[in-house]
């Protein structure tokens, strides 16, 4: 798989998720050749977002889990407040406390695959970090505009801690 060389990565920051992060939303299974359907999943989430979060522009997450060499599950959702039950007909995924490398994707969301390819094909193999078998995720914050796809996002990759991490 070749990535766009324009996907120049900034040095990632190290973060520690100190508490469990619970995400609720819509989960779908994708063979790698069907990832073009993920925007439709986000549109479905947009239709129910108001009942999931009272915030006008909530932080949303795209969680990649149960991955293999040919497929993965993808959850588009929002963080559940502690003690909140998952709404009916949605999926809840709990992310355990973990060390992460956080990569910035400043461009349009349509190009996020180029950034992911650069992380997985170039940056991680050349680094001294080991990826842990755990979900990884995209985090879309307040600056992200779901209508235009602009505003950037973060990609959080679970890794083994090193001594200078928090």
N, C-alpha and C. Protein backbone atom coordinates (compact mmCIF):
# COMPACT_ATOMS: atom_id res chain seq x y z
N UNK A 1 0.85 -1.17 0.00
CA UNK A 1 0.00 0.00 0.00
C UNK A 1 0.90 1.24 0.00
N UNK A 2 0.66 2.11 -0.92
CA UNK A 2 1.49 3.30 -1.03
C UNK A 2 0.72 4.49 -0.48
N UNK A 3 1.42 5.35 0.26
CA UNK A 3 0.75 6.52 0.79
C UNK A 3 1.25 7.76 0.08
N UNK A 4 0.48 8.80 0.20
CA UNK A 4 0.80 10.08 -0.39
C UNK A 4 1.97 10.70 0.38
N UNK A 5 3.07 10.98 -0.30
CA UNK A 5 4.24 11.55 0.38
C UNK A 5 3.94 12.92 0.97
N UNK A 6 2.82 13.54 0.55
CA UNK A 6 2.45 14.84 1.12
C UNK A 6 2.03 14.71 2.59
N UNK A 7 1.79 13.48 3.03
CA UNK A 7 1.40 13.27 4.43
C UNK A 7 2.66 13.31 5.29
N UNK A 8 3.18 14.51 5.51
CA UNK A 8 4.35 14.70 6.35
C UNK A 8 3.89 14.73 7.80
N UNK A 9 4.48 13.87 8.59
CA UNK A 9 4.05 13.76 9.98
C UNK A 9 4.84 14.69 10.88
N UNK A 10 4.13 15.34 11.78
CA UNK A 10 4.78 16.06 12.86
C UNK A 10 5.16 15.02 13.91
N UNK A 11 6.15 15.34 14.71
CA UNK A 11 6.53 14.42 15.79
C UNK A 11 5.33 14.24 16.72
N UNK A 12 4.98 13.00 17.06
CA UNK A 12 3.82 12.80 17.93
C UNK A 12 4.13 13.18 19.37
N UNK A 13 3.08 13.46 20.11
CA UNK A 13 3.24 13.68 21.55
C UNK A 13 2.84 12.39 22.25
N UNK A 14 3.34 12.24 23.45
CA UNK A 14 3.01 11.07 24.26
C UNK A 14 1.91 11.47 25.24
N UNK A 15 0.88 10.65 25.33
CA UNK A 15 -0.23 10.89 26.24
C UNK A 15 -0.53 9.61 27.01
N UNK A 16 -1.04 9.78 28.20
CA UNK A 16 -1.49 8.64 28.99
C UNK A 16 -2.97 8.83 29.28
N UNK A 17 -3.76 7.87 28.83
CA UNK A 17 -5.18 7.84 29.17
C UNK A 17 -5.25 7.22 30.56
N UNK A 18 -5.51 8.05 31.57
CA UNK A 18 -5.42 7.60 32.95
C UNK A 18 -6.69 6.91 33.45
N UNK A 19 -7.81 7.21 32.83
CA UNK A 19 -9.08 6.60 33.21
C UNK A 19 -9.69 5.91 31.99
N UNK A 20 -10.57 4.98 32.27
CA UNK A 20 -11.29 4.30 31.19
C UNK A 20 -12.05 5.33 30.38
N UNK A 21 -12.04 5.18 29.06
CA UNK A 21 -12.79 6.06 28.15
C UNK A 21 -13.88 5.21 27.51
N UNK A 22 -15.14 5.57 27.77
CA UNK A 22 -16.28 4.83 27.22
C UNK A 22 -16.86 5.58 26.04
N UNK A 23 -16.91 4.91 24.89
CA UNK A 23 -17.43 5.51 23.66
C UNK A 23 -18.70 4.76 23.28
N UNK A 24 -19.75 5.50 22.94
CA UNK A 24 -21.00 4.89 22.47
C UNK A 24 -21.31 5.44 21.09
N UNK A 25 -21.75 4.54 20.22
CA UNK A 25 -22.08 4.99 18.87
C UNK A 25 -22.47 3.84 17.97
N UNK A 26 -22.19 4.03 16.70
CA UNK A 26 -22.54 3.07 15.66
C UNK A 26 -21.28 2.32 15.26
N UNK A 27 -21.34 0.99 15.32
CA UNK A 27 -20.19 0.17 14.95
C UNK A 27 -20.53 -0.64 13.71
N UNK A 28 -19.55 -0.70 12.80
CA UNK A 28 -19.70 -1.51 11.59
C UNK A 28 -18.40 -2.23 11.28
N UNK A 29 -18.55 -3.35 10.62
CA UNK A 29 -17.42 -4.19 10.19
C UNK A 29 -17.01 -3.77 8.77
N UNK A 30 -15.68 -3.66 8.53
CA UNK A 30 -15.18 -3.26 7.22
C UNK A 30 -14.05 -4.15 6.74
N UNK A 31 -14.22 -4.81 5.60
CA UNK A 31 -13.04 -5.34 4.91
C UNK A 31 -12.28 -4.11 4.40
N UNK A 32 -10.97 -4.20 4.26
CA UNK A 32 -10.18 -3.04 3.86
C UNK A 32 -10.63 -2.42 2.54
N UNK A 33 -11.21 -3.21 1.65
CA UNK A 33 -11.62 -2.64 0.37
C UNK A 33 -12.97 -1.92 0.45
N UNK A 34 -13.59 -1.84 1.63
CA UNK A 34 -14.87 -1.13 1.80
C UNK A 34 -14.77 0.10 2.69
N UNK A 35 -13.58 0.59 2.98
CA UNK A 35 -13.45 1.73 3.90
C UNK A 35 -14.09 3.00 3.35
N UNK A 36 -14.36 3.04 2.08
CA UNK A 36 -15.03 4.19 1.49
C UNK A 36 -16.43 4.39 2.01
N UNK A 37 -16.96 3.41 2.74
CA UNK A 37 -18.31 3.53 3.31
C UNK A 37 -18.32 4.17 4.69
N UNK A 38 -17.14 4.44 5.25
CA UNK A 38 -17.08 5.04 6.60
C UNK A 38 -17.77 6.41 6.66
N UNK A 39 -17.64 7.29 5.65
CA UNK A 39 -18.38 8.57 5.74
C UNK A 39 -19.89 8.38 5.90
N UNK A 40 -20.46 7.34 5.30
CA UNK A 40 -21.89 7.07 5.49
C UNK A 40 -22.20 6.74 6.94
N UNK A 41 -21.29 6.04 7.59
CA UNK A 41 -21.45 5.70 9.01
C UNK A 41 -21.48 6.98 9.85
N UNK A 42 -20.59 7.93 9.53
CA UNK A 42 -20.56 9.21 10.25
C UNK A 42 -21.85 9.99 10.01
N UNK A 43 -22.39 9.93 8.80
CA UNK A 43 -23.67 10.61 8.55
C UNK A 43 -24.78 10.01 9.41
N UNK A 44 -24.77 8.69 9.55
CA UNK A 44 -25.76 8.04 10.42
C UNK A 44 -25.60 8.50 11.87
N UNK A 45 -24.34 8.62 12.33
CA UNK A 45 -24.11 9.11 13.68
C UNK A 45 -24.62 10.54 13.83
N UNK A 46 -24.39 11.36 12.83
CA UNK A 46 -24.83 12.75 12.89
C UNK A 46 -26.32 12.89 13.12
N UNK A 47 -27.08 11.93 12.62
CA UNK A 47 -28.54 11.98 12.77
C UNK A 47 -29.00 11.71 14.20
N UNK A 48 -28.14 11.07 15.01
CA UNK A 48 -28.52 10.75 16.39
C UNK A 48 -27.64 11.44 17.42
N UNK A 49 -26.72 12.28 16.97
CA UNK A 49 -25.75 12.90 17.86
C UNK A 49 -26.39 13.71 18.98
N UNK A 50 -27.46 14.40 18.68
CA UNK A 50 -28.11 15.23 19.71
C UNK A 50 -28.60 14.40 20.89
N UNK A 51 -29.01 13.15 20.66
CA UNK A 51 -29.49 12.34 21.77
C UNK A 51 -28.33 11.70 22.54
N UNK A 52 -27.13 11.71 21.95
CA UNK A 52 -25.96 11.14 22.62
C UNK A 52 -25.20 12.16 23.45
N UNK A 53 -25.22 13.41 23.01
CA UNK A 53 -24.43 14.44 23.69
C UNK A 53 -25.17 15.77 23.68
N UNK A 54 -25.23 16.43 24.83
CA UNK A 54 -25.89 17.73 24.88
C UNK A 54 -25.05 18.85 24.27
N UNK A 55 -23.75 18.60 24.06
CA UNK A 55 -22.87 19.64 23.53
C UNK A 55 -23.25 19.98 22.09
N UNK A 56 -23.11 21.24 21.73
CA UNK A 56 -23.44 21.66 20.37
C UNK A 56 -22.48 21.06 19.34
N UNK A 57 -21.20 21.02 19.68
CA UNK A 57 -20.19 20.44 18.79
C UNK A 57 -19.33 19.48 19.62
N UNK A 58 -19.87 18.28 19.95
CA UNK A 58 -19.14 17.38 20.85
C UNK A 58 -17.89 16.78 20.20
N UNK A 59 -16.94 16.41 21.05
CA UNK A 59 -15.79 15.66 20.59
C UNK A 59 -16.29 14.28 20.18
N UNK A 60 -15.92 13.85 18.99
CA UNK A 60 -16.33 12.54 18.50
C UNK A 60 -15.09 11.68 18.28
N UNK A 61 -15.32 10.38 18.21
CA UNK A 61 -14.24 9.41 18.09
C UNK A 61 -14.55 8.40 17.01
N UNK A 62 -13.52 8.02 16.26
CA UNK A 62 -13.59 6.91 15.33
C UNK A 62 -12.64 5.85 15.86
N UNK A 63 -13.16 4.75 16.40
CA UNK A 63 -12.34 3.74 17.06
C UNK A 63 -12.19 2.52 16.15
N UNK A 64 -10.93 2.13 15.92
CA UNK A 64 -10.61 0.97 15.11
C UNK A 64 -10.26 -0.17 16.06
N UNK A 65 -11.01 -1.28 15.97
CA UNK A 65 -10.77 -2.40 16.88
C UNK A 65 -11.08 -3.72 16.17
N UNK A 66 -10.70 -4.82 16.81
CA UNK A 66 -10.87 -6.15 16.23
C UNK A 66 -10.23 -6.23 14.84
N UNK A 67 -9.10 -5.58 14.68
CA UNK A 67 -8.45 -5.56 13.39
C UNK A 67 -7.71 -6.84 13.05
N UNK A 68 -7.63 -7.11 11.76
CA UNK A 68 -6.84 -8.24 11.25
C UNK A 68 -6.10 -7.74 10.01
N UNK A 69 -5.50 -8.64 9.29
CA UNK A 69 -4.80 -8.25 8.06
C UNK A 69 -5.77 -7.88 6.94
N UNK A 70 -7.05 -8.21 7.09
CA UNK A 70 -8.00 -7.98 5.99
C UNK A 70 -9.22 -7.15 6.37
N UNK A 71 -9.43 -6.91 7.68
CA UNK A 71 -10.65 -6.21 8.08
C UNK A 71 -10.50 -5.61 9.49
N UNK A 72 -11.54 -4.86 9.88
CA UNK A 72 -11.58 -4.28 11.22
C UNK A 72 -13.01 -3.85 11.52
N UNK A 73 -13.27 -3.57 12.79
CA UNK A 73 -14.52 -2.96 13.21
C UNK A 73 -14.23 -1.49 13.47
N UNK A 74 -15.21 -0.63 13.16
CA UNK A 74 -15.04 0.81 13.32
C UNK A 74 -16.26 1.35 14.06
N UNK A 75 -16.00 2.03 15.16
CA UNK A 75 -17.06 2.63 15.97
C UNK A 75 -16.97 4.15 15.82
N UNK A 76 -18.02 4.77 15.32
CA UNK A 76 -18.13 6.23 15.26
C UNK A 76 -19.03 6.62 16.43
N UNK A 77 -18.48 7.42 17.36
CA UNK A 77 -19.29 7.73 18.53
C UNK A 77 -18.78 8.90 19.34
N UNK A 78 -19.35 9.03 20.53
CA UNK A 78 -18.99 10.08 21.47
C UNK A 78 -18.72 9.45 22.83
N UNK A 79 -18.03 10.21 23.68
CA UNK A 79 -17.74 9.73 25.02
C UNK A 79 -19.02 9.71 25.86
N UNK A 80 -19.18 8.62 26.58
CA UNK A 80 -20.28 8.52 27.54
C UNK A 80 -19.81 9.07 28.87
N UNK A 81 -20.62 9.86 29.51
CA UNK A 81 -20.30 10.34 30.86
C UNK A 81 -20.29 9.15 31.81
N UNK A 82 -19.47 9.24 32.86
CA UNK A 82 -19.40 8.16 33.85
C UNK A 82 -20.80 7.89 34.41
N UNK A 83 -21.15 6.61 34.51
CA UNK A 83 -22.43 6.22 35.06
C UNK A 83 -23.59 6.29 34.08
N UNK A 84 -23.33 6.70 32.83
CA UNK A 84 -24.38 6.79 31.83
C UNK A 84 -24.51 5.47 31.09
N UNK A 85 -25.73 5.02 30.92
CA UNK A 85 -25.96 3.78 30.19
C UNK A 85 -25.86 4.06 28.69
N UNK A 86 -25.47 3.04 27.96
CA UNK A 86 -25.41 3.15 26.50
C UNK A 86 -26.83 3.16 25.95
N UNK A 87 -27.14 4.12 25.09
CA UNK A 87 -28.49 4.14 24.51
C UNK A 87 -28.79 2.85 23.73
N UNK A 88 -30.04 2.49 23.73
CA UNK A 88 -30.48 1.28 23.05
C UNK A 88 -30.09 1.32 21.57
N UNK A 89 -29.76 0.19 21.02
CA UNK A 89 -29.39 0.00 19.61
C UNK A 89 -28.03 0.57 19.24
N UNK A 90 -27.24 1.00 20.23
CA UNK A 90 -25.90 1.48 19.96
C UNK A 90 -24.88 0.57 20.62
N UNK A 91 -23.64 0.73 20.25
CA UNK A 91 -22.56 -0.09 20.79
C UNK A 91 -21.73 0.75 21.74
N UNK A 92 -21.34 0.15 22.86
CA UNK A 92 -20.44 0.80 23.83
C UNK A 92 -19.11 0.07 23.79
N UNK A 93 -18.04 0.84 23.72
CA UNK A 93 -16.70 0.28 23.75
C UNK A 93 -15.92 1.01 24.83
N UNK A 94 -15.34 0.26 25.77
CA UNK A 94 -14.55 0.84 26.85
C UNK A 94 -13.07 0.70 26.51
N UNK A 95 -12.37 1.82 26.49
CA UNK A 95 -10.93 1.83 26.24
C UNK A 95 -10.23 1.91 27.59
N UNK A 96 -9.36 0.95 27.84
CA UNK A 96 -8.66 0.88 29.12
C UNK A 96 -7.59 1.96 29.21
N UNK A 97 -7.21 2.34 30.44
CA UNK A 97 -6.09 3.27 30.59
C UNK A 97 -4.87 2.72 29.84
N UNK A 98 -4.16 3.61 29.17
CA UNK A 98 -3.13 3.16 28.23
C UNK A 98 -2.20 4.31 27.86
N UNK A 99 -0.98 3.98 27.44
CA UNK A 99 -0.05 4.95 26.86
C UNK A 99 -0.35 5.06 25.37
N UNK A 100 -0.29 6.29 24.84
CA UNK A 100 -0.56 6.52 23.42
C UNK A 100 0.48 7.47 22.83
N UNK A 101 0.72 7.30 21.54
CA UNK A 101 1.38 8.32 20.73
C UNK A 101 0.26 9.02 19.98
N UNK A 102 0.26 10.35 20.01
CA UNK A 102 -0.81 11.12 19.40
C UNK A 102 -0.24 11.89 18.21
N UNK A 103 -0.74 11.54 17.03
CA UNK A 103 -0.31 12.16 15.78
C UNK A 103 -1.38 13.16 15.34
N UNK A 104 -0.93 14.29 14.81
CA UNK A 104 -1.84 15.31 14.32
C UNK A 104 -2.09 15.11 12.83
N UNK A 105 -3.35 15.25 12.43
CA UNK A 105 -3.72 15.28 11.01
C UNK A 105 -4.40 16.63 10.79
N UNK A 106 -3.64 17.63 10.31
CA UNK A 106 -4.19 18.98 10.19
C UNK A 106 -5.07 19.19 8.97
N UNK A 107 -5.02 18.30 8.00
CA UNK A 107 -5.73 18.51 6.73
C UNK A 107 -7.17 18.03 6.74
N UNK A 108 -7.72 17.96 5.53
CA UNK A 108 -9.09 17.52 5.32
C UNK A 108 -9.22 16.05 5.74
N UNK A 109 -10.36 15.70 6.29
CA UNK A 109 -10.60 14.35 6.78
C UNK A 109 -10.48 13.31 5.64
N UNK A 110 -10.74 13.71 4.42
CA UNK A 110 -10.65 12.76 3.29
C UNK A 110 -9.24 12.23 3.10
N UNK A 111 -8.24 12.94 3.62
CA UNK A 111 -6.84 12.53 3.47
C UNK A 111 -6.29 11.82 4.70
N UNK A 112 -7.14 11.47 5.65
CA UNK A 112 -6.65 10.84 6.89
C UNK A 112 -5.99 9.50 6.60
N UNK A 113 -6.42 8.81 5.57
CA UNK A 113 -5.81 7.52 5.25
C UNK A 113 -4.33 7.68 4.90
N UNK A 114 -3.97 8.79 4.22
CA UNK A 114 -2.56 9.05 3.91
C UNK A 114 -1.74 9.18 5.19
N UNK A 115 -2.30 9.89 6.17
CA UNK A 115 -1.61 10.07 7.44
C UNK A 115 -1.48 8.73 8.16
N UNK A 116 -2.54 7.95 8.18
CA UNK A 116 -2.48 6.63 8.82
C UNK A 116 -1.46 5.73 8.14
N UNK A 117 -1.42 5.75 6.81
CA UNK A 117 -0.43 4.96 6.08
C UNK A 117 0.99 5.38 6.45
N UNK A 118 1.22 6.70 6.57
CA UNK A 118 2.55 7.20 6.93
C UNK A 118 2.92 6.77 8.36
N UNK A 119 1.96 6.77 9.25
CA UNK A 119 2.22 6.34 10.63
C UNK A 119 2.59 4.87 10.66
N UNK A 120 1.73 4.03 10.08
CA UNK A 120 1.90 2.58 10.18
C UNK A 120 3.02 2.05 9.29
N UNK A 121 3.23 2.64 8.10
CA UNK A 121 4.22 2.13 7.15
C UNK A 121 5.61 2.71 7.35
N UNK A 122 5.68 3.96 7.83
CA UNK A 122 6.97 4.65 7.92
C UNK A 122 7.39 4.95 9.36
N UNK A 123 6.57 5.74 10.05
CA UNK A 123 6.99 6.25 11.36
C UNK A 123 7.17 5.13 12.38
N UNK A 124 6.14 4.31 12.58
CA UNK A 124 6.22 3.28 13.62
C UNK A 124 7.33 2.25 13.37
N UNK A 125 7.49 1.72 12.13
CA UNK A 125 8.58 0.75 11.92
C UNK A 125 9.97 1.35 12.17
N UNK A 126 10.13 2.65 11.96
CA UNK A 126 11.42 3.29 12.16
C UNK A 126 11.64 3.76 13.60
N UNK A 127 10.61 3.64 14.43
CA UNK A 127 10.71 4.13 15.81
C UNK A 127 11.13 3.01 16.75
N UNK A 128 11.32 3.39 18.01
CA UNK A 128 11.65 2.41 19.04
C UNK A 128 10.40 2.01 19.83
N UNK A 129 9.24 2.36 19.32
CA UNK A 129 7.99 2.09 20.04
C UNK A 129 7.32 0.82 19.52
N UNK A 130 6.71 0.08 20.44
CA UNK A 130 5.96 -1.12 20.08
C UNK A 130 4.49 -0.84 20.25
N UNK A 131 3.72 -1.14 19.22
CA UNK A 131 2.27 -0.96 19.29
C UNK A 131 1.68 -2.11 20.10
N UNK A 132 0.75 -1.77 20.97
CA UNK A 132 0.06 -2.75 21.80
C UNK A 132 -1.21 -3.18 21.07
N UNK A 133 -1.56 -4.44 21.20
CA UNK A 133 -2.78 -4.93 20.58
C UNK A 133 -3.97 -4.42 21.39
N UNK A 134 -4.48 -3.30 20.96
CA UNK A 134 -5.60 -2.62 21.62
C UNK A 134 -6.22 -1.69 20.59
N UNK A 135 -7.44 -1.21 20.84
CA UNK A 135 -8.05 -0.27 19.90
C UNK A 135 -7.21 0.99 19.76
N UNK A 136 -7.21 1.56 18.56
CA UNK A 136 -6.63 2.89 18.34
C UNK A 136 -7.75 3.76 17.79
N UNK A 137 -7.57 5.08 17.87
CA UNK A 137 -8.71 5.91 17.51
C UNK A 137 -8.33 7.27 16.93
N UNK A 138 -9.33 7.82 16.22
CA UNK A 138 -9.28 9.19 15.71
C UNK A 138 -10.11 10.02 16.68
N UNK A 139 -9.58 11.19 17.03
CA UNK A 139 -10.31 12.08 17.94
C UNK A 139 -10.57 13.39 17.20
N UNK A 140 -11.85 13.71 17.06
CA UNK A 140 -12.29 14.92 16.36
C UNK A 140 -12.75 15.93 17.40
N UNK A 141 -11.96 16.96 17.62
CA UNK A 141 -12.25 17.94 18.67
C UNK A 141 -13.09 19.10 18.20
N UNK A 142 -13.13 20.15 19.03
CA UNK A 142 -13.95 21.34 18.77
C UNK A 142 -13.59 22.04 17.47
N UNK A 143 -12.32 21.98 17.06
CA UNK A 143 -11.91 22.69 15.84
C UNK A 143 -12.35 21.97 14.57
N UNK A 144 -12.75 20.71 14.68
CA UNK A 144 -13.17 19.95 13.51
C UNK A 144 -14.58 20.35 13.10
N UNK A 145 -14.77 20.62 11.82
CA UNK A 145 -16.08 20.98 11.28
C UNK A 145 -16.62 19.80 10.48
N UNK A 146 -17.62 19.09 11.00
CA UNK A 146 -18.12 17.92 10.28
C UNK A 146 -18.80 18.27 8.96
N UNK A 147 -19.23 19.49 8.79
CA UNK A 147 -19.87 19.90 7.54
C UNK A 147 -18.86 20.07 6.41
N UNK A 148 -17.65 20.56 6.74
CA UNK A 148 -16.64 20.81 5.70
C UNK A 148 -15.54 19.74 5.68
N UNK A 149 -15.40 18.98 6.78
CA UNK A 149 -14.32 18.00 6.87
C UNK A 149 -12.98 18.63 7.21
N UNK A 150 -12.98 19.91 7.51
CA UNK A 150 -11.76 20.64 7.84
C UNK A 150 -11.64 20.84 9.34
N UNK A 151 -10.45 21.22 9.78
CA UNK A 151 -10.22 21.54 11.18
C UNK A 151 -9.27 20.58 11.87
N UNK A 152 -8.95 19.48 11.20
CA UNK A 152 -7.96 18.56 11.75
C UNK A 152 -8.53 17.60 12.77
N UNK A 153 -7.70 16.62 13.09
CA UNK A 153 -8.04 15.59 14.05
C UNK A 153 -6.76 15.00 14.59
N UNK A 154 -6.89 14.14 15.59
CA UNK A 154 -5.74 13.44 16.17
C UNK A 154 -5.92 11.95 15.98
N UNK A 155 -4.80 11.26 15.82
CA UNK A 155 -4.79 9.80 15.73
C UNK A 155 -4.01 9.28 16.92
N UNK A 156 -4.66 8.48 17.76
CA UNK A 156 -4.09 7.97 19.01
C UNK A 156 -3.75 6.50 18.83
N UNK A 157 -2.46 6.16 18.92
CA UNK A 157 -1.96 4.80 18.73
C UNK A 157 -1.47 4.26 20.07
N UNK A 158 -2.00 3.10 20.55
CA UNK A 158 -1.56 2.54 21.83
C UNK A 158 -0.17 1.92 21.71
N UNK A 159 0.72 2.31 22.62
CA UNK A 159 2.10 1.85 22.57
C UNK A 159 2.59 1.44 23.96
N UNK A 160 3.70 0.70 23.96
CA UNK A 160 4.33 0.37 25.23
C UNK A 160 4.94 1.64 25.80
N UNK A 161 4.89 1.82 27.10
CA UNK A 161 5.49 3.00 27.70
C UNK A 161 7.02 2.92 27.66
N UNK A 162 7.64 4.09 27.64
CA UNK A 162 9.10 4.17 27.81
C UNK A 162 9.33 4.98 29.07
N UNK A 163 10.53 4.94 29.59
CA UNK A 163 10.80 5.53 30.90
C UNK A 163 10.50 7.02 31.00
N UNK A 164 10.59 7.78 29.91
CA UNK A 164 10.33 9.22 30.01
C UNK A 164 8.87 9.59 29.79
N UNK A 165 7.97 8.57 29.54
CA UNK A 165 6.55 8.86 29.47
C UNK A 165 6.02 9.16 30.86
N UNK A 166 4.84 9.82 30.88
CA UNK A 166 4.21 10.17 32.15
C UNK A 166 3.91 8.94 32.97
